[in-house]
Amino acid sequence: MKPKQILISILAVLFVFPLMGTFAQQAANSGSIEVITTFDYPGTGNSTLPQKINERGDVVGEFIDSSGVARGFVRFSDGSFSDPIVDPNDTVGFTEGRGINNSRTVVGDYAASDGNLHGFFLSGGTFTEYDIPGAVFTAVLGISNPADFAGTFIDSSGIQQAFVNVGGTLTLFSIPGAAATLAYDINDSKRLVVGYYIDGSGILHGYYRDANGALHFPIDPTGSVATILFGDNNRNWVVGRYADASGVTHGLFFVPPNNFFTFDFPGSTFTSLNGISSQGNITGRYVDASGIAHGFIARVRGTPPTKAVGPEMKPNSPSLVAPLDQSPSAWGGAMPAR
């Protein structure tokens, strides 16, 4: 399927940010989020799940074919696609592209016959395997331009924690009391880390870790029953998604410490914003009425939000689309959400 060139301008609303220190410095007074193209990895019946976008406009992600096999991919800025990315140690048909930086180093994970995920780096056609020392399960979920990276791992005791590697120094951390903590992205300028954690009741919540290592949680918009933060940029703009009680999933735009906005792909009840570049280019996906996921690229004009998240918002009719499984077990647990 060839990319469909579309331009959907979502109504912009005037919004003035409160004083937020360094976060406020990057905010304009008004703007919009515009979808500029949709795309699918070539092949009949593929579901396309973009994950991150670099400053060159390259998108990394994965596609799932009609037989359930998952393969990574890169969609280059000219609209062409890489061959399927398959880790050489993938023995079960499961390789995911999770992050990409400006040098086109790809990070991700693959499954092996031991039943666990293992991380990898792919640069210049060469795979380098990566596991946290002593871990039985490692997923590398994001990489910055200085080649700092973030992810999640499970040690031999079964505890799932987050990690960041900055300048070669590995730091492990967890949200206090969480059943699992996952780090999805780290930016260049502020060392802002974003991700999600699963609390003792199995509920997903967003969090961020600031440049001083302080953890800020829970990050949940009003009405959320499950929140995930997937990506950030050097302006400390954050993207993700949240599910509401009616089973609708909304794309989420977040400016720390407390500004939330929603974005819904027209006609769909499942929208996920997964990555954002410093130019304000966003990649994510929506799900159509047949349950197939499609990628899209959007761009921010001025202040990106379209509408504040609050109890006055009316979600799209759930009858329009059959959304993906929204249960916490489908979103999280050992298998990182995507």
C-alpha atoms as a PDB file:
ATOM      1  CA  MET A   1       0.000   0.000   0.000  1.00  0.00           C
ATOM      2  CA  LYS A   2       1.435   3.371  -0.988  1.00  0.00           C
ATOM      3  CA  PRO A   3       1.427   6.178   1.578  1.00  0.00           C
ATOM      4  CA  LYS A   4      -1.692   8.270   1.435  1.00  0.00           C
ATOM      5  CA  GLN A   5      -0.871  11.950   1.464  1.00  0.00           C
ATOM      6  CA  ILE A   6      -3.350  13.718   3.648  1.00  0.00           C
ATOM      7  CA  LEU A   7      -3.446  16.900   5.618  1.00  0.00           C
ATOM      8  CA  ILE A   8      -5.800  17.014   8.528  1.00  0.00           C
ATOM      9  CA  SER A   9      -5.698  20.271  10.455  1.00  0.00           C
ATOM     10  CA  ILE A  10      -7.119  19.788  13.900  1.00  0.00           C
ATOM     11  CA  LEU A  11      -8.756  22.877  15.399  1.00  0.00           C
ATOM     12  CA  ALA A  12      -6.182  24.859  17.341  1.00  0.00           C
ATOM     13  CA  VAL A  13      -7.124  26.437  20.618  1.00  0.00           C
ATOM     14  CA  LEU A  14      -5.463  29.291  22.402  1.00  0.00           C
ATOM     15  CA  PHE A  15      -3.613  28.079  25.450  1.00  0.00           C
ATOM     16  CA  VAL A  16      -1.169  29.915  27.684  1.00  0.00           C
ATOM     17  CA  PHE A  17       1.180  27.705  29.681  1.00  0.00           C
ATOM     18  CA  PRO A  18       1.661  28.485  33.385  1.00  0.00           C
ATOM     19  CA  LEU A  19       5.177  29.239  34.518  1.00  0.00           C
ATOM     20  CA  MET A  20       7.142  26.002  34.377  1.00  0.00           C
ATOM     21  CA  GLY A  21      10.779  27.061  34.462  1.00  0.00           C
ATOM     22  CA  THR A  22      12.751  25.537  31.584  1.00  0.00           C
ATOM     23  CA  PHE A  23       9.700  23.682  30.264  1.00  0.00           C
ATOM     24  CA  ALA A  24       7.873  26.930  29.509  1.00  0.00           C
ATOM     25  CA  GLN A  25      10.715  28.346  27.450  1.00  0.00           C
ATOM     26  CA  GLN A  26       9.874  26.160  24.457  1.00  0.00           C
ATOM     27  CA  ALA A  27       6.132  26.757  24.429  1.00  0.00           C
ATOM     28  CA  ALA A  28       4.350  28.955  21.923  1.00  0.00           C
ATOM     29  CA  ASN A  29       0.908  30.385  22.622  1.00  0.00           C
ATOM     30  CA  SER A  30      -1.233  28.440  20.187  1.00  0.00           C
ATOM     31  CA  GLY A  31      -1.014  25.821  17.476  1.00  0.00           C
ATOM     32  CA  SER A  32      -2.219  22.564  16.025  1.00  0.00           C
ATOM     33  CA  ILE A  33      -1.296  18.968  15.314  1.00  0.00           C
ATOM     34  CA  GLU A  34      -1.529  18.090  11.619  1.00  0.00           C
ATOM     35  CA  VAL A  35      -1.372  14.590  10.145  1.00  0.00           C
ATOM     36  CA  ILE A  36       0.739  14.801   7.005  1.00  0.00           C
ATOM     37  CA  THR A  37       0.870  11.173   5.849  1.00  0.00           C
ATOM     38  CA  THR A  38      -0.191   7.653   6.692  1.00  0.00           C
ATOM     39  CA  PHE A  39       1.839   4.595   5.744  1.00  0.00           C
ATOM     40  CA  ASP A  40       1.969   0.812   5.887  1.00  0.00           C
ATOM     41  CA  TYR A  41       4.910  -1.529   5.625  1.00  0.00           C
ATOM     42  CA  PRO A  42       4.547  -3.154   2.182  1.00  0.00           C
ATOM     43  CA  GLY A  43       2.667  -6.437   2.114  1.00  0.00           C
ATOM     44  CA  THR A  44      -0.916  -7.630   2.309  1.00  0.00           C
ATOM     45  CA  GLY A  45      -2.432  -7.723   5.790  1.00  0.00           C
ATOM     46  CA  ASN A  46       0.499  -6.164   7.640  1.00  0.00           C
ATOM     47  CA  SER A  47      -0.157  -4.205  10.824  1.00  0.00           C
ATOM     48  CA  THR A  48       2.304  -1.300  11.052  1.00  0.00           C
ATOM     49  CA  LEU A  49       3.478  -0.091  14.465  1.00  0.00           C
ATOM     50  CA  PRO A  50       5.892   2.879  14.288  1.00  0.00           C
ATOM     51  CA  GLN A  51       7.896   3.540  17.459  1.00  0.00           C
ATOM     52  CA  LYS A  52      10.270   6.526  17.182  1.00  0.00           C
ATOM     53  CA  ILE A  53      11.287   9.251  14.719  1.00  0.00           C
ATOM     54  CA  ASN A  54      14.678  10.949  14.420  1.00  0.00           C
ATOM     55  CA  GLU A  55      15.510  14.511  13.369  1.00  0.00           C
ATOM     56  CA  ARG A  56      16.137  13.352   9.783  1.00  0.00           C
ATOM     57  CA  GLY A  57      12.547  12.144   9.534  1.00  0.00           C
ATOM     58  CA  ASP A  58      13.405   8.424   9.632  1.00  0.00           C
ATOM     59  CA  VAL A  59      10.895   6.256  11.488  1.00  0.00           C
ATOM     60  CA  VAL A  60      11.692   2.969  13.200  1.00  0.00           C
ATOM     61  CA  GLY A  61       9.096   0.422  14.177  1.00  0.00           C
ATOM     62  CA  GLU A  62       7.806  -3.041  13.565  1.00  0.00           C
ATOM     63  CA  PHE A  63       5.217  -4.709  11.416  1.00  0.00           C
ATOM     64  CA  ILE A  64       3.231  -7.823  12.153  1.00  0.00           C
ATOM     65  CA  ASP A  65       2.284  -9.965   9.193  1.00  0.00           C
ATOM     66  CA  SER A  66      -0.880 -12.006   8.743  1.00  0.00           C
ATOM     67  CA  SER A  67       0.757 -15.051  10.347  1.00  0.00           C
ATOM     68  CA  GLY A  68       1.719 -13.106  13.483  1.00  0.00           C
ATOM     69  CA  VAL A  69       5.448 -12.792  12.746  1.00  0.00           C
ATOM     70  CA  ALA A  70       6.921  -9.492  13.972  1.00  0.00           C
ATOM     71  CA  ARG A  71       9.783  -7.785  12.128  1.00  0.00           C
ATOM     72  CA  GLY A  72      11.463  -4.438  12.572  1.00  0.00           C
ATOM     73  CA  PHE A  73      11.693  -1.774   9.863  1.00  0.00           C
ATOM     74  CA  VAL A  74      12.923   1.710   9.080  1.00  0.00           C
ATOM     75  CA  ARG A  75      10.837   4.061   6.968  1.00  0.00           C
ATOM     76  CA  PHE A  76      13.331   6.548   5.585  1.00  0.00           C
ATOM     77  CA  SER A  77      12.548  10.241   5.225  1.00  0.00           C
ATOM     78  CA  ASP A  78      12.051   9.812   1.448  1.00  0.00           C
ATOM     79  CA  GLY A  79       9.207   7.356   2.078  1.00  0.00           C
ATOM     80  CA  SER A  80      11.145   4.193   1.189  1.00  0.00           C
ATOM     81  CA  PHE A  81      11.401   1.214   3.536  1.00  0.00           C
ATOM     82  CA  SER A  82      14.258  -0.952   4.706  1.00  0.00           C
ATOM     83  CA  ASP A  83      14.188  -4.688   4.300  1.00  0.00           C
ATOM     84  CA  PRO A  84      12.656  -6.427   7.327  1.00  0.00           C
ATOM     85  CA  ILE A  85      14.956  -6.192  10.344  1.00  0.00           C
ATOM     86  CA  VAL A  86      15.562  -9.639  11.797  1.00  0.00           C
ATOM     87  CA  ASP A  87      18.049 -10.198  14.607  1.00  0.00           C
ATOM     88  CA  PRO A  88      20.275 -13.165  13.683  1.00  0.00           C
ATOM     89  CA  ASN A  89      19.448 -14.785  17.031  1.00  0.00           C
ATOM     90  CA  ASP A  90      15.684 -14.465  16.578  1.00  0.00           C
ATOM     91  CA  THR A  91      14.473 -18.062  16.540  1.00  0.00           C
ATOM     92  CA  VAL A  92      10.749 -17.493  17.072  1.00  0.00           C
ATOM     93  CA  GLY A  93       9.755 -14.798  14.552  1.00  0.00           C
ATOM     94  CA  PHE A  94       9.842 -11.787  16.853  1.00  0.00           C
ATOM     95  CA  THR A  95      12.145  -8.780  16.278  1.00  0.00           C
ATOM     96  CA  GLU A  96      11.127  -5.226  17.147  1.00  0.00           C
ATOM     97  CA  GLY A  97      12.637  -1.905  16.120  1.00  0.00           C
ATOM     98  CA  ARG A  98      12.214   0.423  19.091  1.00  0.00           C
ATOM     99  CA  GLY A  99      14.480   3.466  18.727  1.00  0.00           C
ATOM    100  CA  ILE A 100      16.571   5.333  16.159  1.00  0.00           C
ATOM    101  CA  ASN A 101      18.949   8.289  16.357  1.00  0.00           C
ATOM    102  CA  ASN A 102      20.302  10.686  13.762  1.00  0.00           C
ATOM    103  CA  SER A 103      23.180   8.355  12.855  1.00  0.00           C
ATOM    104  CA  ARG A 104      20.509   5.718  12.076  1.00  0.00           C
ATOM    105  CA  THR A 105      21.595   3.411  14.855  1.00  0.00           C
ATOM    106  CA  VAL A 106      18.558   1.254  15.572  1.00  0.00           C
ATOM    107  CA  VAL A 107      17.834  -0.329  18.931  1.00  0.00           C
ATOM    108  CA  GLY A 108      15.253  -2.928  19.775  1.00  0.00           C
ATOM    109  CA  ASP A 109      14.628  -6.402  21.076  1.00  0.00           C
ATOM    110  CA  TYR A 110      14.105  -9.935  19.855  1.00  0.00           C
ATOM    111  CA  ALA A 111      12.791 -13.168  21.316  1.00  0.00           C
ATOM    112  CA  ALA A 112      14.829 -16.343  21.500  1.00  0.00           C
ATOM    113  CA  SER A 113      14.087 -19.962  22.298  1.00  0.00           C
ATOM    114  CA  ASP A 114      14.608 -19.265  26.016  1.00  0.00           C
ATOM    115  CA  GLY A 115      11.288 -17.410  25.965  1.00  0.00           C
ATOM    116  CA  ASN A 116      12.825 -14.066  26.914  1.00  0.00           C
ATOM    117  CA  LEU A 117      13.531 -10.803  25.151  1.00  0.00           C
ATOM    118  CA  HIS A 118      17.094  -9.652  24.477  1.00  0.00           C
ATOM    119  CA  GLY A 119      18.261  -6.237  23.320  1.00  0.00           C
ATOM    120  CA  PHE A 120      20.197  -5.308  20.208  1.00  0.00           C
ATOM    121  CA  PHE A 121      21.891  -2.402  18.424  1.00  0.00           C
ATOM    122  CA  LEU A 122      21.969  -2.292  14.629  1.00  0.00           C
ATOM    123  CA  SER A 123      24.444   0.054  12.945  1.00  0.00           C
ATOM    124  CA  GLY A 124      25.803  -0.130   9.414  1.00  0.00           C
ATOM    125  CA  GLY A 125      24.253  -3.551   8.927  1.00  0.00           C
ATOM    126  CA  THR A 126      25.948  -5.003  12.017  1.00  0.00           C
ATOM    127  CA  PHE A 127      23.989  -6.336  14.988  1.00  0.00           C
ATOM    128  CA  THR A 128      25.392  -6.061  18.498  1.00  0.00           C
ATOM    129  CA  GLU A 129      23.553  -7.982  21.185  1.00  0.00           C
ATOM    130  CA  TYR A 130      22.893  -6.304  24.534  1.00  0.00           C
ATOM    131  CA  ASP A 131      21.760  -7.702  27.868  1.00  0.00           C
ATOM    132  CA  ILE A 132      21.959  -6.069  31.287  1.00  0.00           C
ATOM    133  CA  PRO A 133      24.571  -8.071  33.241  1.00  0.00           C
ATOM    134  CA  GLY A 134      22.841 -10.868  35.119  1.00  0.00           C
ATOM    135  CA  ALA A 135      19.458 -10.198  33.477  1.00  0.00           C
ATOM    136  CA  VAL A 136      17.298 -12.916  31.973  1.00  0.00           C
ATOM    137  CA  PHE A 137      15.248 -10.389  29.952  1.00  0.00           C
ATOM    138  CA  THR A 138      16.386  -7.101  28.371  1.00  0.00           C
ATOM    139  CA  ALA A 139      14.622  -4.704  25.987  1.00  0.00           C
ATOM    140  CA  VAL A 140      16.351  -1.592  24.631  1.00  0.00           C
ATOM    141  CA  LEU A 141      13.528   0.878  23.952  1.00  0.00           C
ATOM    142  CA  GLY A 142      15.121   4.218  23.045  1.00  0.00           C
ATOM    143  CA  ILE A 143      18.421   5.825  22.017  1.00  0.00           C
ATOM    144  CA  SER A 144      19.532   9.471  21.911  1.00  0.00           C
ATOM    145  CA  ASN A 145      21.891  11.168  19.478  1.00  0.00           C
ATOM    146  CA  PRO A 146      24.842  10.957  21.927  1.00  0.00           C
ATOM    147  CA  ALA A 147      24.047   7.187  22.016  1.00  0.00           C
ATOM    148  CA  ASP A 148      22.650   7.186  25.547  1.00  0.00           C
ATOM    149  CA  PHE A 149      19.921   4.568  25.765  1.00  0.00           C
ATOM    150  CA  ALA A 150      17.051   3.346  27.924  1.00  0.00           C
ATOM    151  CA  GLY A 151      14.972   0.250  28.453  1.00  0.00           C
ATOM    152  CA  THR A 152      13.778  -2.405  30.880  1.00  0.00           C
ATOM    153  CA  PHE A 153      15.098  -5.695  32.241  1.00  0.00           C
ATOM    154  CA  ILE A 154      14.197  -8.561  34.542  1.00  0.00           C
ATOM    155  CA  ASP A 155      16.801 -10.040  36.850  1.00  0.00           C
ATOM    156  CA  SER A 156      17.022 -13.596  38.147  1.00  0.00           C
ATOM    157  CA  SER A 157      14.691 -12.751  41.035  1.00  0.00           C
ATOM    158  CA  GLY A 158      11.925 -11.821  38.585  1.00  0.00           C
ATOM    159  CA  ILE A 159      11.907  -8.096  39.377  1.00  0.00           C
ATOM    160  CA  GLN A 160      11.320  -5.857  36.354  1.00  0.00           C
ATOM    161  CA  GLN A 161      13.188  -2.537  36.493  1.00  0.00           C
ATOM    162  CA  ALA A 162      14.086   0.335  34.183  1.00  0.00           C
ATOM    163  CA  PHE A 163      17.576   1.323  33.121  1.00  0.00           C
ATOM    164  CA  VAL A 164      19.402   4.192  31.457  1.00  0.00           C
ATOM    165  CA  ASN A 165      22.943   4.176  30.135  1.00  0.00           C
ATOM    166  CA  VAL A 166      24.404   7.687  29.928  1.00  0.00           C
ATOM    167  CA  GLY A 167      27.971   8.068  28.682  1.00  0.00           C
ATOM    168  CA  GLY A 168      28.649   4.422  29.469  1.00  0.00           C
ATOM    169  CA  THR A 169      27.346   4.631  33.050  1.00  0.00           C
ATOM    170  CA  LEU A 170      24.469   2.232  33.709  1.00  0.00           C
ATOM    171  CA  THR A 171      21.771   3.298  36.193  1.00  0.00           C
ATOM    172  CA  LEU A 172      18.979   0.991  37.327  1.00  0.00           C
ATOM    173  CA  PHE A 173      15.804   2.346  38.897  1.00  0.00           C
ATOM    174  CA  SER A 174      12.215   1.546  39.824  1.00  0.00           C
ATOM    175  CA  ILE A 175       9.151   3.485  40.867  1.00  0.00           C
ATOM    176  CA  PRO A 176       8.663   2.718  44.591  1.00  0.00           C
ATOM    177  CA  GLY A 177       6.106  -0.040  45.073  1.00  0.00           C
ATOM    178  CA  ALA A 178       5.776  -0.756  41.347  1.00  0.00           C
ATOM    179  CA  ALA A 179       5.388  -4.275  40.016  1.00  0.00           C
ATOM    180  CA  ALA A 180       7.333  -3.239  36.876  1.00  0.00           C
ATOM    181  CA  THR A 181       9.074  -0.078  35.623  1.00  0.00           C
ATOM    182  CA  LEU A 182       9.984   0.579  31.967  1.00  0.00           C
ATOM    183  CA  ALA A 183      12.048   3.429  30.476  1.00  0.00           C
ATOM    184  CA  TYR A 184      11.143   4.238  26.865  1.00  0.00           C
ATOM    185  CA  ASP A 185      13.159   7.259  25.806  1.00  0.00           C
ATOM    186  CA  ILE A 186      15.907   9.667  26.854  1.00  0.00           C
ATOM    187  CA  ASN A 187      16.499  13.030  25.231  1.00  0.00           C
ATOM    188  CA  ASP A 188      19.772  14.783  24.404  1.00  0.00           C
ATOM    189  CA  SER A 189      19.668  18.101  26.188  1.00  0.00           C
ATOM    190  CA  LYS A 190      17.921  17.578  29.505  1.00  0.00           C
ATOM    191  CA  ARG A 191      18.456  13.849  30.066  1.00  0.00           C
ATOM    192  CA  LEU A 192      14.698  13.593  30.486  1.00  0.00           C
ATOM    193  CA  VAL A 193      13.628   9.940  30.713  1.00  0.00           C
ATOM    194  CA  VAL A 194      10.002   8.912  30.165  1.00  0.00           C
ATOM    195  CA  GLY A 195       8.144   5.639  30.473  1.00  0.00           C
ATOM    196  CA  TYR A 196       5.485   3.861  32.464  1.00  0.00           C
ATOM    197  CA  TYR A 197       5.125   1.620  35.476  1.00  0.00           C
ATOM    198  CA  ILE A 198       2.606  -0.945  36.661  1.00  0.00           C
ATOM    199  CA  ASP A 199       1.329  -0.455  40.190  1.00  0.00           C
ATOM    200  CA  GLY A 200       0.424  -3.168  42.690  1.00  0.00           C
ATOM    201  CA  SER A 201      -3.119  -3.324  41.321  1.00  0.00           C
ATOM    202  CA  GLY A 202      -1.958  -3.859  37.745  1.00  0.00           C
ATOM    203  CA  ILE A 203      -2.762  -0.300  36.598  1.00  0.00           C
ATOM    204  CA  LEU A 204      -0.411   1.477  34.167  1.00  0.00           C
ATOM    205  CA  HIS A 205       0.795   5.011  34.926  1.00  0.00           C
ATOM    206  CA  GLY A 206       3.242   7.338  33.203  1.00  0.00           C
ATOM    207  CA  TYR A 207       6.286   8.814  34.904  1.00  0.00           C
ATOM    208  CA  TYR A 208       9.307  10.936  34.081  1.00  0.00           C
ATOM    209  CA  ARG A 209      12.801  11.063  35.530  1.00  0.00           C
ATOM    210  CA  ASP A 210      14.443  14.472  35.440  1.00  0.00           C
ATOM    211  CA  ALA A 211      18.075  15.450  34.868  1.00  0.00           C
ATOM    212  CA  ASN A 212      18.774  15.167  38.614  1.00  0.00           C
ATOM    213  CA  GLY A 213      17.444  11.621  38.749  1.00  0.00           C
ATOM    214  CA  ALA A 214      14.244  12.548  40.590  1.00  0.00           C
ATOM    215  CA  LEU A 215      11.193  10.457  39.707  1.00  0.00           C
ATOM    216  CA  HIS A 216       7.872  12.210  39.061  1.00  0.00           C
ATOM    217  CA  PHE A 217       4.779   9.987  39.244  1.00  0.00           C
ATOM    218  CA  PRO A 218       2.018   9.138  38.629  1.00  0.00           C
ATOM    219  CA  ILE A 219       1.504  10.987  35.337  1.00  0.00           C
ATOM    220  CA  ASP A 220      -2.139  10.386  34.436  1.00  0.00           C
ATOM    221  CA  PRO A 221      -4.560  12.647  32.546  1.00  0.00           C
ATOM    222  CA  THR A 222      -8.072  12.995  33.910  1.00  0.00           C
ATOM    223  CA  GLY A 223     -10.182   9.962  33.032  1.00  0.00           C
ATOM    224  CA  SER A 224      -7.278   7.608  32.330  1.00  0.00           C
ATOM    225  CA  VAL A 225      -7.430   3.981  33.363  1.00  0.00           C
ATOM    226  CA  ALA A 226      -4.015   3.213  31.788  1.00  0.00           C
ATOM    227  CA  THR A 227      -1.311   5.685  30.735  1.00  0.00           C
ATOM    228  CA  ILE A 228       1.933   5.127  28.812  1.00  0.00           C
ATOM    229  CA  LEU A 229       4.584   7.710  27.935  1.00  0.00           C
ATOM    230  CA  PHE A 230       6.595   6.559  24.921  1.00  0.00           C
ATOM    231  CA  GLY A 231       8.792   9.364  23.584  1.00  0.00           C
ATOM    232  CA  ASP A 232      10.284  12.776  24.288  1.00  0.00           C
ATOM    233  CA  ASN A 233      12.353  15.413  22.503  1.00  0.00           C
ATOM    234  CA  ASN A 234      14.900  18.089  23.356  1.00  0.00           C
ATOM    235  CA  ARG A 235      12.128  20.589  24.038  1.00  0.00           C
ATOM    236  CA  ASN A 236      10.844  18.265  26.782  1.00  0.00           C
ATOM    237  CA  TRP A 237       7.677  17.549  24.819  1.00  0.00           C
ATOM    238  CA  VAL A 238       6.374  14.067  25.587  1.00  0.00           C
ATOM    239  CA  VAL A 239       4.020  11.756  23.666  1.00  0.00           C
ATOM    240  CA  GLY A 240       2.152   8.594  24.578  1.00  0.00           C
ATOM    241  CA  ARG A 241      -1.376   7.302  24.941  1.00  0.00           C
ATOM    242  CA  TYR A 242      -4.043   6.637  27.524  1.00  0.00           C
ATOM    243  CA  ALA A 243      -7.189   4.521  27.675  1.00  0.00           C
ATOM    244  CA  ASP A 244     -10.446   5.726  29.195  1.00  0.00           C
ATOM    245  CA  ALA A 245     -13.151   3.739  30.963  1.00  0.00           C
ATOM    246  CA  SER A 246     -15.175   3.321  27.764  1.00  0.00           C
ATOM    247  CA  GLY A 247     -12.347   1.418  26.073  1.00  0.00           C
ATOM    248  CA  VAL A 248     -11.252   4.258  23.778  1.00  0.00           C
ATOM    249  CA  THR A 249      -7.518   4.921  23.486  1.00  0.00           C
ATOM    250  CA  HIS A 250      -6.332   8.484  22.884  1.00  0.00           C
ATOM    251  CA  GLY A 251      -3.015   9.831  21.721  1.00  0.00           C
ATOM    252  CA  LEU A 252      -1.458  11.869  24.510  1.00  0.00           C
ATOM    253  CA  PHE A 253       0.704  14.985  24.387  1.00  0.00           C
ATOM    254  CA  PHE A 254       2.273  15.998  27.699  1.00  0.00           C
ATOM    255  CA  VAL A 255       4.420  18.954  28.744  1.00  0.00           C
ATOM    256  CA  PRO A 256       5.875  18.441  32.235  1.00  0.00           C
ATOM    257  CA  PRO A 257       4.997  18.988  34.912  1.00  0.00           C
ATOM    258  CA  ASN A 258       1.210  18.955  34.448  1.00  0.00           C
ATOM    259  CA  ASN A 259      -0.096  19.935  31.006  1.00  0.00           C
ATOM    260  CA  PHE A 260      -2.015  17.218  29.164  1.00  0.00           C
ATOM    261  CA  PHE A 261      -3.653  17.272  25.742  1.00  0.00           C
ATOM    262  CA  THR A 262      -5.263  14.632  23.588  1.00  0.00           C
ATOM    263  CA  PHE A 263      -5.133  13.774  19.901  1.00  0.00           C
ATOM    264  CA  ASP A 264      -7.471  11.323  18.192  1.00  0.00           C
ATOM    265  CA  PHE A 265      -6.956  10.156  14.628  1.00  0.00           C
ATOM    266  CA  PRO A 266     -10.216  10.939  12.816  1.00  0.00           C
ATOM    267  CA  GLY A 267     -12.607   7.991  12.696  1.00  0.00           C
ATOM    268  CA  SER A 268     -10.582   5.736  14.993  1.00  0.00           C
ATOM    269  CA  THR A 269     -11.027   4.819  18.645  1.00  0.00           C
ATOM    270  CA  PHE A 270      -7.381   3.780  19.009  1.00  0.00           C
ATOM    271  CA  THR A 271      -4.630   6.362  18.575  1.00  0.00           C
ATOM    272  CA  SER A 272      -1.081   6.043  19.915  1.00  0.00           C
ATOM    273  CA  LEU A 273       1.627   8.715  19.725  1.00  0.00           C
ATOM    274  CA  ASN A 274       4.945   6.888  20.037  1.00  0.00           C
ATOM    275  CA  GLY A 275       7.798   9.204  19.097  1.00  0.00           C
ATOM    276  CA  ILE A 276       8.525  12.902  18.632  1.00  0.00           C
ATOM    277  CA  SER A 277      11.529  14.682  17.127  1.00  0.00           C
ATOM    278  CA  SER A 278      12.950  18.013  18.224  1.00  0.00           C
ATOM    279  CA  GLN A 279      11.324  19.638  15.173  1.00  0.00           C
ATOM    280  CA  GLY A 280       7.933  18.509  16.488  1.00  0.00           C
ATOM    281  CA  ASN A 281       7.402  15.656  14.029  1.00  0.00           C
ATOM    282  CA  ILE A 282       5.367  12.883  15.623  1.00  0.00           C
ATOM    283  CA  THR A 283       4.974   9.256  14.612  1.00  0.00           C
ATOM    284  CA  GLY A 284       2.332   6.879  15.833  1.00  0.00           C
ATOM    285  CA  ARG A 285      -0.497   4.662  14.724  1.00  0.00           C
ATOM    286  CA  TYR A 286      -4.229   4.290  14.546  1.00  0.00           C
ATOM    287  CA  VAL A 287      -6.379   1.180  14.197  1.00  0.00           C
ATOM    288  CA  ASP A 288      -9.044   0.843  11.515  1.00  0.00           C
ATOM    289  CA  ALA A 289     -12.456  -0.833  11.697  1.00  0.00           C
ATOM    290  CA  SER A 290     -10.988  -4.222  10.721  1.00  0.00           C
ATOM    291  CA  GLY A 291      -8.426  -4.121  13.526  1.00  0.00           C
ATOM    292  CA  ILE A 292      -5.417  -3.349  11.312  1.00  0.00           C
ATOM    293  CA  ALA A 293      -2.882  -0.832  12.617  1.00  0.00           C
ATOM    294  CA  HIS A 294      -1.542   1.880  10.290  1.00  0.00           C
ATOM    295  CA  GLY A 295       1.337   4.260  10.806  1.00  0.00           C
ATOM    296  CA  PHE A 296       1.175   8.014  10.504  1.00  0.00           C
ATOM    297  CA  ILE A 297       3.412  11.050  10.713  1.00  0.00           C
ATOM    298  CA  ALA A 298       2.063  14.284  12.148  1.00  0.00           C
ATOM    299  CA  ARG A 299       3.640  17.657  12.803  1.00  0.00           C
ATOM    300  CA  VAL A 300       3.281  20.267  15.467  1.00  0.00           C
ATOM    301  CA  ARG A 301       2.442  23.860  14.597  1.00  0.00           C
ATOM    302  CA  GLY A 302       3.095  26.265  17.462  1.00  0.00           C
ATOM    303  CA  THR A 303       1.860  24.848  20.743  1.00  0.00           C
ATOM    304  CA  PRO A 304       1.019  21.246  19.829  1.00  0.00           C
ATOM    305  CA  PRO A 305      -2.084  20.450  21.869  1.00  0.00           C
ATOM    306  CA  THR A 306      -5.517  20.474  20.298  1.00  0.00           C
ATOM    307  CA  LYS A 307      -7.665  20.289  23.403  1.00  0.00           C
ATOM    308  CA  ALA A 308      -7.163  19.922  27.104  1.00  0.00           C
ATOM    309  CA  VAL A 309      -7.779  16.517  28.618  1.00  0.00           C
ATOM    310  CA  GLY A 310     -10.551  16.769  31.169  1.00  0.00           C
ATOM    311  CA  PRO A 311     -13.934  15.413  32.191  1.00  0.00           C
ATOM    312  CA  GLU A 312     -15.709  17.666  29.694  1.00  0.00           C
ATOM    313  CA  MET A 313     -14.203  15.839  26.715  1.00  0.00           C
ATOM    314  CA  LYS A 314     -16.401  13.512  24.703  1.00  0.00           C
ATOM    315  CA  PRO A 315     -14.536  10.520  23.211  1.00  0.00           C
ATOM    316  CA  ASN A 316     -15.283   9.227  19.745  1.00  0.00           C
ATOM    317  CA  SER A 317     -18.030   6.647  19.508  1.00  0.00           C
ATOM    318  CA  PRO A 318     -16.596   3.226  20.469  1.00  0.00           C
ATOM    319  CA  SER A 319     -18.690   1.654  17.711  1.00  0.00           C
ATOM    320  CA  LEU A 320     -16.524   3.186  14.979  1.00  0.00           C
ATOM    321  CA  VAL A 321     -13.517   0.903  15.420  1.00  0.00           C
ATOM    322  CA  ALA A 322     -12.714  -2.348  17.171  1.00  0.00           C
ATOM    323  CA  PRO A 323      -9.717  -1.210  19.292  1.00  0.00           C
ATOM    324  CA  LEU A 324      -6.781  -3.319  20.294  1.00  0.00           C
ATOM    325  CA  ASP A 325      -6.965  -5.197  23.598  1.00  0.00           C
ATOM    326  CA  GLN A 326      -6.801  -2.512  26.291  1.00  0.00           C
ATOM    327  CA  SER A 327      -6.317  -4.773  29.315  1.00  0.00           C
ATOM    328  CA  PRO A 328      -3.229  -4.051  31.421  1.00  0.00           C
ATOM    329  CA  SER A 329      -1.955  -7.559  30.762  1.00  0.00           C
ATOM    330  CA  ALA A 330      -2.017  -6.853  27.018  1.00  0.00           C
ATOM    331  CA  TRP A 331      -0.308  -3.495  27.419  1.00  0.00           C
ATOM    332  CA  GLY A 332       2.398  -4.258  29.903  1.00  0.00           C
ATOM    333  CA  GLY A 333       3.768  -6.906  32.209  1.00  0.00           C
ATOM    334  CA  ALA A 334       7.034  -8.373  31.053  1.00  0.00           C
ATOM    335  CA  MET A 335       6.318  -7.585  27.399  1.00  0.00           C
ATOM    336  CA  PRO A 336       6.863  -3.841  26.896  1.00  0.00           C
ATOM    337  CA  ALA A 337       3.945  -1.971  25.362  1.00  0.00           C
ATOM    338  CA  ARG A 338       4.341  -0.743  21.794  1.00  0.00           C
END
